[in-house]
Amino acid sequence: MKIRSISAIATALVLAASIGVQSASAELDGLRSKIPFEFYAAGKLFPAGTYVVSQVNATTLRLEDSLGNGVFIAAGRESARMEEGNWIVFHQYGQRSFLAGAYWSGSSISLNVPASRSEREVAKVASQPSPIRIAAR
């Protein structure tokens, strides 16, 4: 009888934890925005267009175009000041732009994309990047 009770309690705790994880990740899904310039992400050049950035897990973003084609991008979590609005963030060096991260409204966490090798090479010869924030919904 004790084993059955312990098993029932353990099952209830696992279910409660999984519901909490799902609702926490649902808060950070699907930032959709029209990006008015071409940009680099995951070592690839993306044309201007409509994109969705979503959180796959604590360290991975997915960037997807309007046709459903996408790439996975490693990202780091960072504490952020809570702000209104959803944002997709880019670093811009002259005419070259690089995906830099995403911020979800009301969250104290932002997901930041580490600088790629090509961004680091551009940064060596360019001045400081201009941070560009594109509103998302």
Protein backbone atom coordinates (compact mmCIF):
# COMPACT_ATOMS: atom_id res chain seq x y z
CA MET A 1 0.00 0.00 0.00
CA LYS A 2 2.83 2.43 0.86
CA ILE A 3 4.55 1.74 -2.46
CA ARG A 4 1.33 2.48 -4.35
CA SER A 5 0.89 5.77 -2.45
CA ILE A 6 4.48 6.82 -3.07
CA SER A 7 4.11 5.92 -6.74
CA ALA A 8 0.92 7.99 -7.03
CA ILE A 9 2.57 10.99 -5.35
CA ALA A 10 5.64 10.72 -7.61
CA THR A 11 3.44 10.53 -10.70
CA ALA A 12 1.46 13.59 -9.59
CA LEU A 13 4.69 15.55 -9.01
CA VAL A 14 6.08 14.64 -12.44
CA LEU A 15 2.83 15.69 -14.13
CA ALA A 16 2.73 18.97 -12.22
CA ALA A 17 6.35 19.71 -13.13
CA SER A 18 5.78 18.99 -16.82
CA ILE A 19 2.74 21.29 -16.91
CA GLY A 20 4.82 24.06 -15.34
CA VAL A 21 7.63 23.59 -17.87
CA GLN A 22 5.20 23.66 -20.79
CA SER A 23 3.51 26.86 -19.64
CA ALA A 24 6.86 28.55 -18.96
CA SER A 25 8.15 27.76 -22.44
CA ALA A 26 4.83 28.74 -24.03
CA GLU A 27 5.41 32.27 -22.75
CA LEU A 28 8.53 32.51 -24.89
CA ASP A 29 7.30 31.07 -28.18
CA GLY A 30 6.87 32.63 -31.55
CA LEU A 31 8.05 36.21 -32.01
CA ARG A 32 6.89 37.17 -35.51
CA SER A 33 8.32 40.21 -37.23
CA LYS A 34 8.97 41.68 -40.65
CA ILE A 35 12.71 42.26 -40.94
CA PRO A 36 13.31 45.06 -43.48
CA PHE A 37 16.94 44.17 -44.25
CA GLU A 38 19.03 41.10 -45.02
CA PHE A 39 20.90 39.60 -42.09
CA TYR A 40 23.19 36.78 -41.06
CA ALA A 41 22.23 34.03 -38.62
CA ALA A 42 23.72 30.57 -38.10
CA GLY A 43 26.37 31.36 -40.71
CA LYS A 44 23.78 32.00 -43.44
CA LEU A 45 22.52 35.13 -45.17
CA PHE A 46 18.76 35.63 -44.89
CA PRO A 47 16.83 38.01 -47.15
CA ALA A 48 14.52 40.70 -45.80
CA GLY A 49 11.13 39.20 -44.97
CA THR A 50 8.83 37.89 -42.27
CA TYR A 51 10.41 35.61 -39.69
CA VAL A 52 9.45 33.84 -36.48
CA VAL A 53 11.95 33.44 -33.65
CA SER A 54 10.95 30.88 -31.05
CA GLN A 55 12.62 29.31 -28.06
CA VAL A 56 13.21 25.58 -28.47
CA ASN A 57 14.78 25.10 -25.05
CA ALA A 58 16.86 27.09 -22.56
CA THR A 59 19.81 27.39 -24.95
CA THR A 60 18.35 27.12 -28.46
CA LEU A 61 16.37 29.45 -30.71
CA ARG A 62 14.66 28.54 -33.98
CA LEU A 63 14.55 31.09 -36.79
CA GLU A 64 11.89 30.31 -39.37
CA ASP A 65 10.84 32.10 -42.56
CA SER A 66 7.28 32.47 -43.88
CA LEU A 67 7.63 29.19 -45.84
CA GLY A 68 8.52 27.21 -42.72
CA ASN A 69 12.22 26.86 -43.57
CA GLY A 70 14.34 27.34 -40.52
CA VAL A 71 17.58 26.95 -38.62
CA PHE A 72 18.43 26.25 -35.01
CA ILE A 73 20.72 28.72 -33.27
CA ALA A 74 22.60 28.32 -29.99
CA ALA A 75 21.73 31.11 -27.55
CA GLY A 76 22.62 32.10 -24.04
CA ARG A 77 20.14 33.25 -21.41
CA GLU A 78 20.80 36.58 -19.79
CA SER A 79 18.97 38.59 -17.16
CA ALA A 80 17.19 41.56 -18.68
CA ARG A 81 15.31 44.55 -17.41
CA MET A 82 11.59 43.87 -17.78
CA GLU A 83 10.18 45.98 -20.60
CA GLU A 84 7.00 46.26 -22.58
CA GLY A 85 7.10 44.80 -26.04
CA ASN A 86 8.64 41.86 -27.83
CA TRP A 87 11.89 42.47 -29.69
CA ILE A 88 14.20 40.74 -32.12
CA VAL A 89 17.64 42.29 -31.82
CA PHE A 90 20.39 42.68 -34.42
CA HIS A 91 23.93 44.03 -34.42
CA GLN A 92 24.48 46.22 -37.47
CA TYR A 93 27.93 47.11 -38.83
CA GLY A 94 27.39 49.45 -41.77
CA GLN A 95 25.25 47.43 -44.20
CA ARG A 96 25.85 44.04 -42.53
CA SER A 97 23.43 42.85 -39.86
CA PHE A 98 23.66 39.86 -37.54
CA LEU A 99 20.92 38.30 -35.42
CA ALA A 100 21.87 39.07 -31.81
CA GLY A 101 18.93 37.84 -29.73
CA ALA A 102 15.31 38.06 -28.70
CA TYR A 103 13.32 39.50 -25.79
CA TRP A 104 9.79 38.59 -24.77
CA SER A 105 7.53 41.19 -23.13
CA GLY A 106 7.40 40.98 -19.37
CA SER A 107 10.21 38.45 -19.17
CA SER A 108 13.28 38.99 -17.03
CA ILE A 109 15.27 36.83 -19.47
CA SER A 110 16.59 37.60 -22.93
CA LEU A 111 18.13 35.05 -25.25
CA ASN A 112 21.36 36.25 -26.83
CA VAL A 113 23.06 34.78 -29.87
CA PRO A 114 26.84 34.67 -29.50
CA ALA A 115 28.78 36.52 -32.21
CA SER A 116 29.59 34.24 -35.13
CA ARG A 117 33.05 34.00 -36.64
CA SER A 118 31.99 36.28 -39.51
CA GLU A 119 30.55 38.85 -37.07
CA ARG A 120 33.78 38.81 -35.06
CA GLU A 121 35.78 39.36 -38.26
CA VAL A 122 33.58 42.32 -39.25
CA ALA A 123 33.82 43.72 -35.72
CA LYS A 124 37.64 43.74 -35.92
CA VAL A 125 37.61 46.33 -38.72
CA ALA A 126 34.32 48.12 -38.00
CA SER A 127 33.34 50.46 -35.23
CA GLN A 128 30.96 49.43 -32.48
CA PRO A 129 27.80 47.78 -33.79
CA SER A 130 24.56 49.69 -33.83
CA PRO A 131 21.99 47.65 -31.91
CA ILE A 132 18.75 47.43 -33.91
CA ARG A 133 15.55 46.37 -32.16
CA ILE A 134 12.69 45.22 -34.37
CA ALA A 135 9.28 45.02 -32.70
CA ALA A 136 7.66 41.60 -32.85
CA ARG A 137 4.30 40.14 -31.97
